[in-house]
Protein backbone atom coordinates (compact mmCIF):
# COMPACT_ATOMS: atom_id res chain seq x y z
CA UNK A 1 72.11 106.44 85.33
CA UNK A 2 75.43 107.44 83.83
CA UNK A 3 77.62 109.86 85.68
CA UNK A 4 78.92 112.77 83.68
CA UNK A 5 82.68 112.91 83.56
CA UNK A 6 84.47 116.17 83.78
CA UNK A 7 87.62 116.39 81.70
CA UNK A 8 90.50 117.56 83.85
CA UNK A 9 93.95 117.93 82.28
CA UNK A 10 96.61 115.81 83.93
CA UNK A 11 100.12 117.14 84.24
CA UNK A 12 102.80 114.67 83.17
CA UNK A 13 105.37 113.44 85.65
CA UNK A 14 108.52 115.46 86.11
CA UNK A 15 111.83 114.06 84.81
CA UNK A 16 112.83 113.42 88.42
CA UNK A 17 109.68 111.39 89.09
CA UNK A 18 110.15 109.38 85.89
CA UNK A 19 113.77 108.67 86.80
CA UNK A 20 112.80 107.53 90.29
CA UNK A 21 110.07 105.22 88.98
CA UNK A 22 112.39 103.80 86.34
CA UNK A 23 115.04 102.96 88.93
CA UNK A 24 112.46 101.39 91.24
CA UNK A 25 111.18 99.19 88.43
CA UNK A 26 114.67 98.01 87.56
CA UNK A 27 115.38 97.30 91.20
CA UNK A 28 112.32 95.05 91.28
CA UNK A 29 113.43 93.28 88.12
CA UNK A 30 116.96 92.83 89.46
CA UNK A 31 115.66 91.41 92.74
CA UNK A 32 113.52 88.87 90.89
CA UNK A 33 116.41 87.88 88.60
CA UNK A 34 118.81 87.37 91.51
CA UNK A 35 116.41 85.14 93.45
CA UNK A 36 115.30 83.22 90.36
CA UNK A 37 118.94 82.64 89.31
CA UNK A 38 119.73 81.39 92.80
CA UNK A 39 116.93 78.82 92.63
CA UNK A 40 118.01 77.69 89.15
CA UNK A 41 121.59 77.23 90.33
CA UNK A 42 120.37 75.15 93.26
CA UNK A 43 118.52 72.81 90.92
CA UNK A 44 121.16 72.59 88.18
CA UNK A 45 124.12 72.01 90.49
CA UNK A 46 122.34 69.67 92.87
CA UNK A 47 123.03 71.97 95.81
CA UNK A 48 119.38 71.75 96.76
CA UNK A 49 120.08 68.17 97.80
CA UNK A 50 123.03 69.36 99.84
CA UNK A 51 120.82 71.83 101.70
CA UNK A 52 118.20 69.10 102.19
CA UNK A 53 120.73 66.70 103.72
CA UNK A 54 122.11 69.46 105.91
CA UNK A 55 118.64 70.43 107.14
CA UNK A 56 117.77 66.78 107.84
CA UNK A 57 120.95 66.29 109.84
CA UNK A 58 120.52 69.48 111.86
CA UNK A 59 116.93 68.59 112.69
CA UNK A 60 117.90 65.22 114.20
CA UNK A 61 116.09 63.46 111.33
CA UNK A 62 112.70 64.93 112.26
CA UNK A 63 110.91 65.51 108.97
CA UNK A 64 108.72 68.49 109.95
CA UNK A 65 111.66 70.25 111.56
CA UNK A 66 113.85 69.48 108.55
CA UNK A 67 111.34 71.15 106.22
CA UNK A 68 111.46 74.31 108.34
CA UNK A 69 115.27 74.29 108.55
CA UNK A 70 115.54 73.84 104.78
CA UNK A 71 113.23 76.80 104.22
CA UNK A 72 115.21 78.85 106.75
CA UNK A 73 118.45 78.16 104.86
CA UNK A 74 116.83 79.18 101.57
CA UNK A 75 115.52 82.42 103.05
CA UNK A 76 118.84 83.28 104.67
CA UNK A 77 120.83 82.77 101.46
CA UNK A 78 118.20 84.67 99.46
CA UNK A 79 118.37 87.55 101.94
CA UNK A 80 122.14 87.71 101.75
CA UNK A 81 122.02 87.80 97.95
CA UNK A 82 119.39 90.56 97.80
CA UNK A 83 120.44 92.72 100.75
CA UNK A 84 122.63 94.88 98.50
CA UNK A 85 119.67 95.76 96.28
CA UNK A 86 117.49 96.44 99.29
CA UNK A 87 120.11 98.79 100.73
CA UNK A 88 120.32 100.55 97.37
CA UNK A 89 116.55 101.00 97.56
CA UNK A 90 116.96 102.56 101.00
CA UNK A 91 119.59 104.94 99.67
CA UNK A 92 117.42 105.74 96.65
CA UNK A 93 114.60 106.97 98.90
CA UNK A 94 117.09 109.19 100.72
CA UNK A 95 118.59 110.49 97.49
CA UNK A 96 115.19 111.61 96.20
CA UNK A 97 114.35 113.08 99.61
CA UNK A 98 111.36 110.78 100.11
CA UNK A 99 112.57 109.06 103.26
CA UNK A 100 113.11 110.26 106.81
CA UNK A 101 114.17 106.84 108.09
CA UNK A 102 117.63 106.39 109.55
CA UNK A 103 119.86 103.44 108.73
CA UNK A 104 119.47 101.81 112.15
CA UNK A 105 115.68 101.97 111.89
CA UNK A 106 115.78 100.55 108.36
CA UNK A 107 118.05 97.71 109.47
CA UNK A 108 115.72 96.91 112.37
CA UNK A 109 112.75 96.85 110.00
CA UNK A 110 114.65 94.47 107.73
CA UNK A 111 115.30 92.14 110.65
CA UNK A 112 111.67 92.26 111.77
CA UNK A 113 110.51 91.70 108.21
CA UNK A 114 112.72 88.64 107.88
CA UNK A 115 111.41 87.14 111.12
CA UNK A 116 107.77 87.82 110.24
CA UNK A 117 108.34 86.36 106.80
CA UNK A 118 109.98 83.31 108.34
CA UNK A 119 106.96 82.66 110.55
CA UNK A 120 104.44 83.12 107.73
CA UNK A 121 106.43 81.11 105.21
CA UNK A 122 106.97 78.42 107.83
CA UNK A 123 103.23 78.06 108.34
CA UNK A 124 102.59 77.87 104.59
CA UNK A 125 105.34 75.32 103.89
CA UNK A 126 104.43 73.10 106.84
CA UNK A 127 100.77 73.12 105.78
CA UNK A 128 101.75 72.21 102.24
CA UNK A 129 103.98 69.27 103.16
CA UNK A 130 101.56 68.08 105.81
CA UNK A 131 98.78 67.77 103.23
CA UNK A 132 101.15 66.03 100.79
CA UNK A 133 102.11 63.44 103.42
CA UNK A 134 98.61 62.84 104.74
CA UNK A 135 96.58 62.94 101.52
CA UNK A 136 98.93 62.17 98.60
CA UNK A 137 96.07 61.74 96.11
CA UNK A 138 94.15 64.92 96.82
CA UNK A 139 96.73 67.09 98.56
CA UNK A 140 96.39 69.91 96.01
CA UNK A 141 92.68 70.37 96.73
CA UNK A 142 93.09 70.26 100.50
CA UNK A 143 96.11 72.56 100.36
CA UNK A 144 94.06 75.07 98.37
CA UNK A 145 91.31 75.03 101.00
CA UNK A 146 93.80 75.39 103.86
CA UNK A 147 95.63 78.24 102.13
CA UNK A 148 92.41 80.11 101.43
CA UNK A 149 91.47 79.87 105.08
CA UNK A 150 94.94 80.94 106.17
CA UNK A 151 94.98 83.93 103.82
CA UNK A 152 91.56 85.08 105.02
CA UNK A 153 92.75 84.94 108.62
CA UNK A 154 95.95 86.75 107.62
CA UNK A 155 93.99 89.52 105.89
CA UNK A 156 91.89 89.96 109.03
CA UNK A 157 94.82 90.00 111.44
CA UNK A 158 97.23 92.09 109.37
CA UNK A 159 96.00 95.54 110.56
CA UNK A 160 96.07 94.58 114.24
CA UNK A 161 99.03 92.18 114.34
CA UNK A 162 101.39 92.69 111.39
CA UNK A 163 101.17 96.40 110.58
CA UNK A 164 101.85 97.60 114.16
CA UNK A 165 105.15 95.71 114.09
CA UNK A 166 106.44 98.33 111.67
CA UNK A 167 104.28 101.43 112.22
CA UNK A 168 102.32 103.19 114.94
CA UNK A 169 98.58 103.79 114.66
CA UNK A 170 96.08 105.73 116.70
CA UNK A 171 92.36 106.54 116.24
CA UNK A 172 91.75 109.64 114.16
CA UNK A 173 90.88 112.54 116.43
CA UNK A 174 89.27 114.64 113.69
CA UNK A 175 85.65 113.63 114.21
CA UNK A 176 84.28 115.58 111.25
CA UNK A 177 86.74 114.01 108.81
CA UNK A 178 86.19 110.58 110.32
CA UNK A 179 82.44 110.91 109.82
CA UNK A 180 82.82 112.06 106.21
CA UNK A 181 85.07 109.13 105.34
CA UNK A 182 82.82 106.58 107.03
CA UNK A 183 79.79 107.93 105.15
CA UNK A 184 81.70 107.80 101.86
CA UNK A 185 82.71 104.20 102.57
CA UNK A 186 79.13 103.20 103.33
CA UNK A 187 77.96 104.77 100.07
CA UNK A 188 80.47 102.55 98.27
CA UNK A 189 79.08 99.50 100.05
CA UNK A 190 81.99 99.12 102.47
CA UNK A 191 81.46 99.17 106.22
CA UNK A 192 84.56 100.14 108.16
CA UNK A 193 85.17 99.64 111.87
CA UNK A 194 87.36 102.68 112.40
CA UNK A 195 89.55 105.39 110.94
CA UNK A 196 93.15 105.55 112.11
CA UNK A 197 96.05 107.95 111.90
CA UNK A 198 99.10 106.18 110.48
CA UNK A 199 102.38 107.66 111.74
CA UNK A 200 104.22 107.33 108.46
CA UNK A 201 106.23 110.55 108.82
CA UNK A 202 108.66 108.74 111.13
CA UNK A 203 109.97 106.90 108.08
CA UNK A 204 108.71 108.58 104.90
CA UNK A 205 107.54 111.84 103.38
CA UNK A 206 105.08 110.07 101.07
CA UNK A 207 101.37 110.67 101.51
CA UNK A 208 99.44 107.42 101.80
CA UNK A 209 95.98 106.09 102.54
CA UNK A 210 94.57 102.58 102.56
CA UNK A 211 91.43 100.57 103.11
CA UNK A 212 92.61 97.42 104.86
CA UNK A 213 91.54 94.53 107.03
CA UNK A 214 88.57 92.22 106.85
CA UNK A 215 85.35 91.94 108.82
CA UNK A 216 85.80 93.28 112.34
CA UNK A 217 89.24 94.70 111.48
CA UNK A 218 88.13 96.53 108.31
CA UNK A 219 89.48 100.06 108.67
CA UNK A 220 90.72 103.17 106.95
CA UNK A 221 94.29 104.22 107.66
CA UNK A 222 95.50 107.70 106.77
CA UNK A 223 99.15 108.68 106.87
CA UNK A 224 99.92 111.70 109.00
CA UNK A 225 101.79 113.08 105.97
CA UNK A 226 98.46 113.10 104.16
CA UNK A 227 96.46 114.50 107.07
CA UNK A 228 98.93 117.30 107.75
CA UNK A 229 99.36 118.50 104.16
CA UNK A 230 96.02 118.03 102.42
CA UNK A 231 92.53 119.42 102.85
CA UNK A 232 89.61 117.17 103.90
CA UNK A 233 88.20 117.30 100.34
CA UNK A 234 91.51 116.07 98.94
CA UNK A 235 91.72 113.28 101.51
CA UNK A 236 88.17 112.28 100.68
CA UNK A 237 89.10 112.10 96.98
CA UNK A 238 92.10 109.89 97.80
CA UNK A 239 89.85 107.54 99.77
CA UNK A 240 87.39 107.47 96.86
CA UNK A 241 90.23 106.15 94.72
CA UNK A 242 90.95 103.44 97.29
CA UNK A 243 87.26 102.53 97.46
CA UNK A 244 87.30 102.19 93.70
CA UNK A 245 89.76 99.29 94.08
CA UNK A 246 87.36 97.65 96.50
CA UNK A 247 84.29 98.20 94.32
CA UNK A 248 85.91 96.99 91.11
CA UNK A 249 87.80 94.16 92.84
CA UNK A 250 90.89 94.95 90.81
CA UNK A 251 93.62 97.55 90.73
CA UNK A 252 94.06 100.36 88.22
CA UNK A 253 91.24 99.26 85.95
CA UNK A 254 90.68 102.77 84.65
CA UNK A 255 92.78 104.70 82.20
CA UNK A 256 96.38 104.66 83.57
CA UNK A 257 96.75 108.31 82.62
CA UNK A 258 93.82 109.19 84.85
CA UNK A 259 95.05 107.56 88.04
CA UNK A 260 98.26 108.83 89.49
CA UNK A 261 97.98 107.66 93.08
CA UNK A 262 101.05 105.44 92.93
CA UNK A 263 103.49 108.15 92.03
CA UNK A 264 106.23 109.02 94.52
CA UNK A 265 106.13 112.80 94.02
CA UNK A 266 102.91 114.45 95.23
CA UNK A 267 101.66 117.71 93.85
CA UNK A 268 102.25 120.87 95.71
CA UNK A 269 99.22 121.47 97.97
CA UNK A 270 97.95 124.40 95.92
CA UNK A 271 98.19 122.54 92.61
CA UNK A 272 96.77 119.36 94.10
CA UNK A 273 94.00 121.32 95.73
CA UNK A 274 92.83 122.77 92.41
CA UNK A 275 92.81 119.42 90.64
CA UNK A 276 91.35 117.31 93.41
CA UNK A 277 88.69 119.85 94.22
CA UNK A 278 87.58 119.81 90.56
CA UNK A 279 87.21 116.05 90.68
CA UNK A 280 85.65 116.30 94.12
CA UNK A 281 82.95 118.66 92.93
CA UNK A 282 82.32 116.54 89.84
CA UNK A 283 82.05 113.24 91.68
CA UNK A 284 81.19 113.79 95.32
CA UNK A 285 77.44 114.15 94.75
CA UNK A 286 77.53 110.75 93.04
CA UNK A 287 79.76 108.99 95.55
CA UNK A 288 77.16 106.30 95.93
CA UNK A 289 77.90 105.39 92.29
CA UNK A 290 81.65 104.96 92.61
CA UNK A 291 81.49 102.15 90.07
CA UNK A 292 80.83 104.80 87.43
CA UNK A 293 83.11 107.53 88.70
CA UNK A 294 86.59 108.02 87.32
CA UNK A 295 88.89 110.40 89.13
CA UNK A 296 90.96 112.20 86.48
CA UNK A 297 93.40 113.71 88.93
CA UNK A 298 96.93 113.22 90.04
CA UNK A 299 96.60 112.07 93.61
CA UNK A 300 99.23 111.80 96.33
CA UNK A 301 101.32 108.63 96.16
CA UNK A 302 100.03 105.57 97.98
CA UNK A 303 100.98 102.20 99.25
CA UNK A 304 98.25 99.62 99.56
CA UNK A 305 97.02 98.30 102.86
CA UNK A 306 99.63 95.57 102.52
CA UNK A 307 102.57 97.84 101.95
CA UNK A 308 103.94 96.89 105.33
CA UNK A 309 104.25 93.33 104.10
CA UNK A 310 106.78 94.50 101.52
CA UNK A 311 109.28 94.33 104.35
CA UNK A 312 108.76 90.58 104.62
CA UNK A 313 111.85 89.16 102.97
CA UNK A 314 110.76 85.65 102.09
CA UNK A 315 109.96 86.41 98.45
CA UNK A 316 106.45 86.33 99.86
CA UNK A 317 104.59 87.91 96.97
CA UNK A 318 101.84 85.33 97.38
CA UNK A 319 101.50 86.36 101.04
CA UNK A 320 101.16 90.03 100.14
CA UNK A 321 98.66 89.24 97.42
CA UNK A 322 96.55 87.24 99.84
CA UNK A 323 96.45 90.09 102.32
CA UNK A 324 95.31 92.54 99.63
CA UNK A 325 92.29 94.39 101.04
């Protein structure tokens, strides 16, 4: 049975929002270019061999240790080269009044992110070279199997091990809202083990929600900035958008003009309330058919359940992708 779609006009982004998004995109491009250029220079100049010899000497000629030391040197140099861009990103959030985080807190998060990234990257690299040494003919197949297992474990542990390193969480005390969100999740075919309040306001003014974890750690996390500024119907609509990612198994598969959840500038509560409530009324009765529902509203901005992993500084895009809920 097809679900009738209600046409809801979508207000275009403000010039300020477009400028912010444009700068963020260019920062991402610049970060990639800097790291990629660094790797090219290492290969072209032969400095990679210099780092290899240095790592081997510092590790007392122990191969497994040398691999880790080499990776550590790469990550440290990469971090030094990109720290300026990361600081500019920190200042950008402050300039657009989206951040409440102080410099000392940001610096501490950067340090924690580097250490967490070092541990995760160390596990991945050691697994890779171990399979190459032990099974030189079929290492690629075994490495794939090991990585898949590792990423599944990582996705399961992220909400209870990684995320709390950077943010505080507590069970949601609003029982009525918790029940509504759990029921909505079950209608979408997703069983969650809990709903948690995410204390995002300590660092940001953005309103976020995420469906994260795997198996026994599958949970809904709602930023306190979302809970404190939006009505239950609006929060339920935001979660419906997140559940859409889960149902479709891909991100932003609908019309880009219809989904505005990744924008940094939320609507004013009154404006958002009118738009979200329209979509809510149109789609709530058919929540069980989320595969057919499109939410033509501008929703509050979001980070995915793996947003915390963005602080991992090891160029670990593959790690973040693997932890995608």
